[in-house]
């Protein structure tokens, strides 16, 4: 894998990756994902860990809560590389190819690929071809008017 492909700091340094994710998610300061309060969170002793200052909430959180990176032991910089590779390849990428390119286990690559694909999903699954559309498969017409059906 060419070194220049991942020359940005957030691809090679986990601290830079965390700061990059925080800048994307919270341009105006941390937002509690549990209660939605803006600007009342304060930093804890561990880098990237915040606590909501609201009396009703008081929960700890990071920038990864509510994202596809949540509850993963895979470094954030590795996640960013995987997202970049999957999004920039024309015909997609297999988990095996991710495993080879990123130097992670096949199981981790499979896990990341599935989470990234799920994150890219539209959210609603529509019928093949669209609503009230005809789909032809293998030269066989499926559908038609109810009066033309045979027993």
N, C-alpha and C. Protein backbone atom coordinates (compact mmCIF):
# COMPACT_ATOMS: atom_id res chain seq x y z
N UNK A 1 0.85 -1.17 0.00
CA UNK A 1 0.00 0.00 0.00
C UNK A 1 0.89 1.24 0.00
N UNK A 2 0.68 2.15 -0.94
CA UNK A 2 1.53 3.34 -1.01
C UNK A 2 1.40 4.21 0.23
N UNK A 3 2.52 4.70 0.71
CA UNK A 3 2.55 5.53 1.92
C UNK A 3 1.78 6.84 1.71
N UNK A 4 1.87 7.41 0.50
CA UNK A 4 1.24 8.70 0.24
C UNK A 4 -0.29 8.62 0.25
N UNK A 5 -0.83 7.40 0.09
CA UNK A 5 -2.28 7.24 0.09
C UNK A 5 -2.89 7.68 1.41
N UNK A 6 -2.21 7.39 2.50
CA UNK A 6 -2.70 7.74 3.83
C UNK A 6 -1.75 8.74 4.49
N UNK A 7 -1.49 9.85 3.83
CA UNK A 7 -0.54 10.82 4.36
C UNK A 7 -1.16 11.78 5.38
N UNK A 8 -2.46 11.88 5.43
CA UNK A 8 -3.11 12.77 6.40
C UNK A 8 -2.89 12.23 7.81
N UNK A 9 -2.71 13.11 8.80
CA UNK A 9 -2.41 12.67 10.16
C UNK A 9 -3.47 11.77 10.78
N UNK A 10 -4.75 11.99 10.45
CA UNK A 10 -5.80 11.19 11.07
C UNK A 10 -5.81 9.75 10.57
N UNK A 11 -5.03 9.42 9.54
CA UNK A 11 -4.91 8.05 9.09
C UNK A 11 -3.80 7.28 9.82
N UNK A 12 -2.90 7.99 10.46
CA UNK A 12 -1.75 7.32 11.06
C UNK A 12 -1.60 7.51 12.57
N UNK A 13 -2.35 8.43 13.14
CA UNK A 13 -2.22 8.73 14.56
C UNK A 13 -3.61 8.68 15.20
N UNK A 14 -3.77 7.87 16.23
CA UNK A 14 -5.08 7.71 16.86
C UNK A 14 -5.56 8.98 17.54
N UNK A 15 -4.65 9.73 18.12
CA UNK A 15 -5.02 11.00 18.77
C UNK A 15 -5.52 11.99 17.72
N UNK A 16 -4.84 12.07 16.58
CA UNK A 16 -5.26 12.96 15.49
C UNK A 16 -6.60 12.49 14.92
N UNK A 17 -6.80 11.18 14.85
CA UNK A 17 -8.06 10.64 14.36
C UNK A 17 -9.21 11.01 15.29
N UNK A 18 -8.98 10.90 16.60
CA UNK A 18 -10.00 11.27 17.57
C UNK A 18 -10.36 12.75 17.46
N UNK A 19 -9.34 13.60 17.37
CA UNK A 19 -9.59 15.05 17.24
C UNK A 19 -10.32 15.37 15.94
N UNK A 20 -9.98 14.66 14.87
CA UNK A 20 -10.65 14.87 13.58
C UNK A 20 -12.13 14.49 13.68
N UNK A 21 -12.42 13.36 14.32
CA UNK A 21 -13.81 12.93 14.49
C UNK A 21 -14.58 13.91 15.37
N UNK A 22 -13.95 14.40 16.43
CA UNK A 22 -14.60 15.39 17.30
C UNK A 22 -14.90 16.67 16.54
N UNK A 23 -13.97 17.10 15.69
CA UNK A 23 -14.18 18.33 14.91
C UNK A 23 -15.33 18.16 13.91
N UNK A 24 -15.47 16.96 13.37
CA UNK A 24 -16.55 16.70 12.42
C UNK A 24 -17.89 16.63 13.15
N UNK A 25 -17.94 15.89 14.24
CA UNK A 25 -19.20 15.69 14.97
C UNK A 25 -19.62 16.90 15.79
N UNK A 26 -18.65 17.56 16.40
CA UNK A 26 -18.96 18.66 17.32
C UNK A 26 -18.18 19.91 16.94
N UNK A 27 -18.55 20.62 15.89
CA UNK A 27 -17.81 21.83 15.52
C UNK A 27 -17.92 22.95 16.57
N UNK A 28 -18.97 22.91 17.39
CA UNK A 28 -19.17 23.96 18.40
C UNK A 28 -19.03 23.43 19.83
N UNK A 29 -18.31 22.34 20.01
CA UNK A 29 -18.13 21.77 21.34
C UNK A 29 -18.93 20.49 21.51
N UNK A 30 -18.59 19.71 22.54
CA UNK A 30 -19.23 18.41 22.74
C UNK A 30 -20.74 18.49 22.98
N UNK A 31 -21.44 17.53 22.41
CA UNK A 31 -22.89 17.40 22.58
C UNK A 31 -23.13 16.03 23.20
N UNK A 32 -23.85 16.00 24.30
CA UNK A 32 -24.12 14.74 24.99
C UNK A 32 -25.04 13.88 24.12
N UNK A 33 -24.60 12.66 23.75
CA UNK A 33 -25.47 11.81 22.93
C UNK A 33 -26.61 11.18 23.71
N UNK A 34 -26.55 11.25 25.03
CA UNK A 34 -27.58 10.64 25.86
C UNK A 34 -28.78 11.57 26.07
N UNK A 35 -28.50 12.84 26.37
CA UNK A 35 -29.59 13.78 26.64
C UNK A 35 -29.67 14.91 25.60
N UNK A 36 -28.65 15.05 24.75
CA UNK A 36 -28.67 16.05 23.69
C UNK A 36 -28.28 17.45 24.13
N UNK A 37 -27.77 17.61 25.34
CA UNK A 37 -27.38 18.93 25.84
C UNK A 37 -26.11 19.40 25.14
N UNK A 38 -26.11 20.66 24.74
CA UNK A 38 -24.98 21.24 24.01
C UNK A 38 -24.16 22.11 24.94
N UNK A 39 -22.86 21.89 24.94
CA UNK A 39 -21.93 22.79 25.62
C UNK A 39 -21.81 22.65 27.12
N UNK A 40 -22.45 21.67 27.74
CA UNK A 40 -22.31 21.55 29.19
C UNK A 40 -21.37 20.42 29.60
N UNK A 41 -20.85 19.68 28.63
CA UNK A 41 -19.96 18.56 28.95
C UNK A 41 -18.57 19.08 29.30
N UNK A 42 -17.89 18.33 30.15
CA UNK A 42 -16.52 18.68 30.49
C UNK A 42 -15.62 17.47 30.29
N UNK A 43 -14.35 17.74 30.00
CA UNK A 43 -13.39 16.68 29.72
C UNK A 43 -13.00 15.95 31.00
N UNK A 44 -12.79 14.65 30.88
CA UNK A 44 -12.33 13.84 31.99
C UNK A 44 -10.81 13.67 31.87
N UNK A 45 -10.22 12.88 32.75
CA UNK A 45 -8.77 12.73 32.75
C UNK A 45 -8.27 11.94 31.53
N UNK A 46 -9.06 11.00 31.03
CA UNK A 46 -8.67 10.24 29.84
C UNK A 46 -8.95 11.07 28.59
N UNK A 47 -7.99 11.19 27.69
CA UNK A 47 -8.21 12.00 26.47
C UNK A 47 -9.39 11.48 25.65
N UNK A 48 -10.27 12.38 25.26
CA UNK A 48 -11.42 12.02 24.45
C UNK A 48 -12.65 11.62 25.23
N UNK A 49 -12.54 11.52 26.55
CA UNK A 49 -13.67 11.14 27.39
C UNK A 49 -14.30 12.39 28.00
N UNK A 50 -15.61 12.50 27.88
CA UNK A 50 -16.34 13.65 28.39
C UNK A 50 -17.45 13.17 29.31
N UNK A 51 -17.90 14.06 30.20
CA UNK A 51 -19.04 13.78 31.07
C UNK A 51 -20.03 14.92 30.95
N UNK A 52 -21.29 14.56 30.84
CA UNK A 52 -22.36 15.55 30.77
C UNK A 52 -22.51 16.19 32.14
N UNK A 53 -22.66 17.50 32.18
CA UNK A 53 -22.77 18.22 33.45
C UNK A 53 -24.22 18.39 33.92
N UNK A 54 -25.17 17.93 33.13
CA UNK A 54 -26.57 18.02 33.54
C UNK A 54 -26.84 17.07 34.70
N UNK A 55 -27.59 17.54 35.70
CA UNK A 55 -27.87 16.74 36.90
C UNK A 55 -28.61 15.44 36.56
N UNK A 56 -29.51 15.49 35.60
CA UNK A 56 -30.30 14.32 35.26
C UNK A 56 -29.51 13.28 34.48
N UNK A 57 -28.44 13.69 33.82
CA UNK A 57 -27.71 12.79 32.93
C UNK A 57 -26.42 12.27 33.58
N UNK A 58 -25.42 13.11 33.68
CA UNK A 58 -24.12 12.79 34.29
C UNK A 58 -23.45 11.55 33.69
N UNK A 59 -23.69 11.26 32.41
CA UNK A 59 -23.12 10.07 31.78
C UNK A 59 -21.83 10.42 31.02
N UNK A 60 -20.91 9.46 31.00
CA UNK A 60 -19.68 9.62 30.24
C UNK A 60 -19.94 9.27 28.78
N UNK A 61 -19.18 9.91 27.87
CA UNK A 61 -19.31 9.62 26.45
C UNK A 61 -18.05 10.05 25.71
N UNK A 62 -17.90 9.53 24.51
CA UNK A 62 -16.82 9.93 23.61
C UNK A 62 -17.45 10.31 22.27
N UNK A 63 -16.62 10.72 21.34
CA UNK A 63 -17.12 11.11 20.02
C UNK A 63 -17.61 9.91 19.22
N UNK A 64 -17.23 8.71 19.62
CA UNK A 64 -17.63 7.53 18.87
C UNK A 64 -19.02 7.00 19.26
N UNK A 65 -19.59 7.49 20.35
CA UNK A 65 -20.91 7.03 20.78
C UNK A 65 -21.95 7.42 19.73
N UNK A 66 -22.72 6.44 19.31
CA UNK A 66 -23.75 6.68 18.30
C UNK A 66 -23.24 6.58 16.87
N UNK A 67 -21.99 6.17 16.68
CA UNK A 67 -21.43 6.01 15.34
C UNK A 67 -21.12 4.55 15.10
N UNK A 68 -20.68 4.23 13.89
CA UNK A 68 -20.30 2.85 13.61
C UNK A 68 -19.00 2.46 14.28
N UNK A 69 -18.28 3.41 14.86
CA UNK A 69 -17.03 3.11 15.56
C UNK A 69 -17.26 2.77 17.03
N UNK A 70 -18.48 2.89 17.50
CA UNK A 70 -18.78 2.69 18.92
C UNK A 70 -18.51 1.26 19.36
N UNK A 71 -17.96 1.13 20.57
CA UNK A 71 -17.69 -0.16 21.21
C UNK A 71 -16.82 -1.07 20.38
N UNK A 72 -15.81 -0.49 19.76
CA UNK A 72 -14.87 -1.26 18.96
C UNK A 72 -13.47 -1.07 19.52
N UNK A 73 -12.70 -2.15 19.56
CA UNK A 73 -11.33 -2.06 20.05
C UNK A 73 -10.34 -1.78 18.92
N UNK A 74 -10.84 -1.68 17.71
CA UNK A 74 -9.99 -1.38 16.57
C UNK A 74 -9.65 0.12 16.61
N UNK A 75 -8.38 0.47 16.42
CA UNK A 75 -7.99 1.89 16.49
C UNK A 75 -8.77 2.74 15.49
N UNK A 76 -9.08 3.96 15.87
CA UNK A 76 -9.87 4.86 15.04
C UNK A 76 -9.17 5.17 13.72
N UNK A 77 -7.85 5.27 13.73
CA UNK A 77 -7.12 5.54 12.49
C UNK A 77 -7.29 4.37 11.51
N UNK A 78 -7.37 3.15 12.01
CA UNK A 78 -7.60 1.98 11.15
C UNK A 78 -9.01 2.02 10.58
N UNK A 79 -9.96 2.44 11.39
CA UNK A 79 -11.34 2.61 10.90
C UNK A 79 -11.38 3.63 9.76
N UNK A 80 -10.68 4.75 9.92
CA UNK A 80 -10.67 5.78 8.89
C UNK A 80 -10.08 5.25 7.59
N UNK A 81 -9.02 4.45 7.70
CA UNK A 81 -8.43 3.84 6.50
C UNK A 81 -9.44 2.91 5.82
N UNK A 82 -10.14 2.11 6.61
CA UNK A 82 -11.12 1.18 6.05
C UNK A 82 -12.27 1.92 5.37
N UNK A 83 -12.75 2.98 5.99
CA UNK A 83 -13.83 3.78 5.39
C UNK A 83 -13.36 4.38 4.07
N UNK A 84 -12.14 4.92 4.07
CA UNK A 84 -11.59 5.52 2.85
C UNK A 84 -11.49 4.47 1.74
N UNK A 85 -10.95 3.30 2.07
CA UNK A 85 -10.76 2.26 1.05
C UNK A 85 -12.09 1.77 0.50
N UNK A 86 -13.07 1.54 1.37
CA UNK A 86 -14.37 1.06 0.90
C UNK A 86 -15.13 2.11 0.08
N UNK A 87 -15.00 3.36 0.47
CA UNK A 87 -15.73 4.42 -0.24
C UNK A 87 -15.05 4.84 -1.55
N UNK A 88 -13.76 4.64 -1.66
CA UNK A 88 -13.05 5.11 -2.84
C UNK A 88 -12.85 4.03 -3.90
N UNK A 89 -13.16 2.79 -3.58
CA UNK A 89 -12.99 1.74 -4.59
C UNK A 89 -14.23 1.68 -5.47
N UNK A 90 -14.02 1.56 -6.77
CA UNK A 90 -15.12 1.59 -7.73
C UNK A 90 -16.10 0.45 -7.55
N UNK A 91 -15.58 -0.75 -7.39
CA UNK A 91 -16.43 -1.93 -7.36
C UNK A 91 -16.55 -2.53 -5.97
N UNK A 92 -16.28 -1.76 -4.94
CA UNK A 92 -16.34 -2.28 -3.59
C UNK A 92 -15.07 -3.02 -3.23
N UNK A 93 -15.04 -3.56 -2.04
CA UNK A 93 -13.86 -4.24 -1.57
C UNK A 93 -14.28 -5.36 -0.63
N UNK A 94 -13.62 -6.50 -0.77
CA UNK A 94 -13.94 -7.63 0.09
C UNK A 94 -13.26 -7.46 1.45
N UNK A 95 -13.77 -8.19 2.41
CA UNK A 95 -13.16 -8.18 3.74
C UNK A 95 -11.75 -8.75 3.68
N UNK A 96 -11.54 -9.71 2.79
CA UNK A 96 -10.20 -10.31 2.66
C UNK A 96 -9.20 -9.28 2.15
N UNK A 97 -9.61 -8.46 1.20
CA UNK A 97 -8.72 -7.41 0.70
C UNK A 97 -8.43 -6.38 1.79
N UNK A 98 -9.43 -6.02 2.59
CA UNK A 98 -9.20 -5.11 3.73
C UNK A 98 -8.21 -5.74 4.71
N UNK A 99 -8.39 -7.01 4.97
CA UNK A 99 -7.50 -7.73 5.87
C UNK A 99 -6.05 -7.64 5.40
N UNK A 100 -5.83 -7.81 4.10
CA UNK A 100 -4.48 -7.75 3.56
C UNK A 100 -3.92 -6.32 3.57
N UNK A 101 -4.74 -5.35 3.21
CA UNK A 101 -4.25 -3.98 3.09
C UNK A 101 -4.03 -3.29 4.43
N UNK A 102 -4.87 -3.60 5.42
CA UNK A 102 -4.78 -2.91 6.71
C UNK A 102 -3.95 -3.66 7.74
N UNK A 103 -3.69 -4.92 7.49
CA UNK A 103 -2.90 -5.69 8.43
C UNK A 103 -3.66 -6.06 9.70
N UNK A 104 -4.98 -6.22 9.58
CA UNK A 104 -5.80 -6.65 10.71
C UNK A 104 -6.23 -8.09 10.44
N UNK A 105 -6.80 -8.74 11.43
CA UNK A 105 -7.27 -10.10 11.21
C UNK A 105 -8.47 -10.08 10.25
N UNK A 106 -8.73 -11.23 9.64
CA UNK A 106 -9.86 -11.32 8.72
C UNK A 106 -11.17 -11.05 9.46
N UNK A 107 -11.26 -11.54 10.69
CA UNK A 107 -12.47 -11.34 11.49
C UNK A 107 -12.72 -9.85 11.73
N UNK A 108 -11.66 -9.10 12.04
CA UNK A 108 -11.79 -7.65 12.25
C UNK A 108 -12.17 -6.95 10.96
N UNK A 109 -11.56 -7.36 9.85
CA UNK A 109 -11.87 -6.75 8.55
C UNK A 109 -13.33 -7.01 8.17
N UNK A 110 -13.81 -8.23 8.42
CA UNK A 110 -15.19 -8.56 8.12
C UNK A 110 -16.14 -7.71 8.96
N UNK A 111 -15.82 -7.57 10.25
CA UNK A 111 -16.61 -6.76 11.18
C UNK A 111 -16.67 -5.30 10.71
N UNK A 112 -15.51 -4.74 10.35
CA UNK A 112 -15.47 -3.35 9.91
C UNK A 112 -16.24 -3.16 8.60
N UNK A 113 -16.06 -4.08 7.65
CA UNK A 113 -16.75 -3.96 6.37
C UNK A 113 -18.26 -3.98 6.55
N UNK A 114 -18.75 -4.86 7.41
CA UNK A 114 -20.19 -4.93 7.64
C UNK A 114 -20.71 -3.68 8.33
N UNK A 115 -19.99 -3.17 9.28
CA UNK A 115 -20.45 -1.94 9.95
C UNK A 115 -20.44 -0.76 9.00
N UNK A 116 -19.41 -0.65 8.17
CA UNK A 116 -19.33 0.47 7.23
C UNK A 116 -20.45 0.37 6.20
N UNK A 117 -20.68 -0.82 5.68
CA UNK A 117 -21.77 -0.99 4.70
C UNK A 117 -23.13 -0.69 5.33
N UNK A 118 -23.32 -1.10 6.56
CA UNK A 118 -24.58 -0.81 7.26
C UNK A 118 -24.73 0.70 7.48
N UNK A 119 -23.62 1.37 7.77
CA UNK A 119 -23.66 2.81 7.95
C UNK A 119 -23.99 3.56 6.66
N UNK A 120 -23.66 2.97 5.52
CA UNK A 120 -23.94 3.60 4.22
C UNK A 120 -25.33 3.28 3.71
N UNK A 121 -26.01 2.35 4.36
CA UNK A 121 -27.34 1.95 3.90
C UNK A 121 -28.31 3.12 4.03
N UNK A 122 -29.25 3.18 3.13
CA UNK A 122 -30.22 4.27 3.06
C UNK A 122 -31.15 4.28 4.26
N UNK A 123 -31.50 3.13 4.77
CA UNK A 123 -32.39 3.08 5.92
C UNK A 123 -33.74 2.48 5.57
N UNK A 124 -34.21 2.73 4.38
CA UNK A 124 -35.47 2.14 3.97
C UNK A 124 -35.20 1.19 2.79
N UNK A 125 -35.78 0.03 2.86
CA UNK A 125 -35.58 -0.95 1.80
C UNK A 125 -36.81 -0.91 0.91
N UNK A 126 -36.62 -0.55 -0.34
CA UNK A 126 -37.73 -0.47 -1.27
C UNK A 126 -37.74 -1.72 -2.16
N UNK A 127 -38.85 -1.98 -2.80
CA UNK A 127 -38.92 -3.14 -3.68
C UNK A 127 -37.92 -3.02 -4.83
N UNK A 128 -37.50 -4.16 -5.36
CA UNK A 128 -36.56 -4.15 -6.48
C UNK A 128 -37.22 -3.44 -7.66
N UNK A 129 -36.54 -2.50 -8.26
CA UNK A 129 -37.07 -1.76 -9.40
C UNK A 129 -37.87 -0.53 -9.01
N UNK A 130 -38.35 -0.47 -7.78
CA UNK A 130 -39.13 0.67 -7.32
C UNK A 130 -40.59 0.29 -7.10
N UNK A 131 -41.33 1.20 -6.53
CA UNK A 131 -42.73 0.97 -6.21
C UNK A 131 -43.55 0.83 -7.48
N UNK A 132 -44.37 -0.22 -7.58
CA UNK A 132 -45.26 -0.49 -8.72
C UNK A 132 -44.53 -0.55 -10.06
N UNK A 133 -43.31 -1.09 -10.05
CA UNK A 133 -42.52 -1.24 -11.27
C UNK A 133 -42.44 -2.71 -11.64
N UNK A 134 -42.22 -2.98 -12.90
CA UNK A 134 -42.09 -4.34 -13.41
C UNK A 134 -40.61 -4.72 -13.41
N UNK A 135 -40.33 -5.93 -12.94
CA UNK A 135 -38.96 -6.44 -12.95
C UNK A 135 -38.95 -7.72 -13.76
N UNK A 136 -38.06 -7.80 -14.75
CA UNK A 136 -37.93 -9.01 -15.55
C UNK A 136 -36.62 -9.69 -15.18
N UNK A 137 -36.70 -11.00 -14.93
CA UNK A 137 -35.54 -11.77 -14.53
C UNK A 137 -35.45 -13.02 -15.40
N UNK A 138 -34.30 -13.25 -15.99
CA UNK A 138 -34.05 -14.45 -16.79
C UNK A 138 -35.15 -14.70 -17.82
N UNK A 139 -35.54 -13.70 -18.54
CA UNK A 139 -36.53 -13.78 -19.60
C UNK A 139 -37.89 -14.26 -19.14
N UNK A 140 -38.18 -14.14 -17.86
CA UNK A 140 -39.47 -14.55 -17.32
C UNK A 140 -40.18 -13.32 -16.77
N UNK A 141 -41.41 -13.13 -17.18
CA UNK A 141 -42.19 -12.01 -16.69
C UNK A 141 -42.91 -12.43 -15.42
N UNK A 142 -42.73 -11.67 -14.36
CA UNK A 142 -43.38 -11.96 -13.09
C UNK A 142 -44.30 -10.79 -12.78
N UNK A 143 -45.57 -11.05 -12.63
CA UNK A 143 -46.52 -9.98 -12.35
C UNK A 143 -47.66 -10.03 -13.34
N UNK A 144 -48.30 -8.93 -13.53
CA UNK A 144 -49.42 -8.87 -14.47
C UNK A 144 -50.72 -8.66 -13.76
N UNK A 145 -51.79 -8.70 -14.54
CA UNK A 145 -53.13 -8.48 -14.00
C UNK A 145 -53.66 -9.74 -13.37
N UNK A 146 -54.45 -9.58 -12.32
CA UNK A 146 -54.99 -10.72 -11.59
C UNK A 146 -55.90 -11.57 -12.47
N UNK A 147 -56.63 -10.98 -13.43
CA UNK A 147 -57.55 -11.74 -14.28
C UNK A 147 -56.83 -12.68 -15.25
N UNK A 148 -55.55 -12.44 -15.48
CA UNK A 148 -54.78 -13.28 -16.39
C UNK A 148 -54.07 -14.45 -15.71
N UNK A 149 -54.22 -14.56 -14.41
CA UNK A 149 -53.57 -15.65 -13.69
C UNK A 149 -54.24 -16.99 -13.98
N UNK A 150 -53.42 -18.00 -14.06
CA UNK A 150 -53.93 -19.36 -14.27
C UNK A 150 -53.97 -20.08 -12.93
N UNK A 151 -55.02 -20.83 -12.68
CA UNK A 151 -55.25 -21.63 -11.50
C UNK A 151 -54.14 -21.66 -10.58
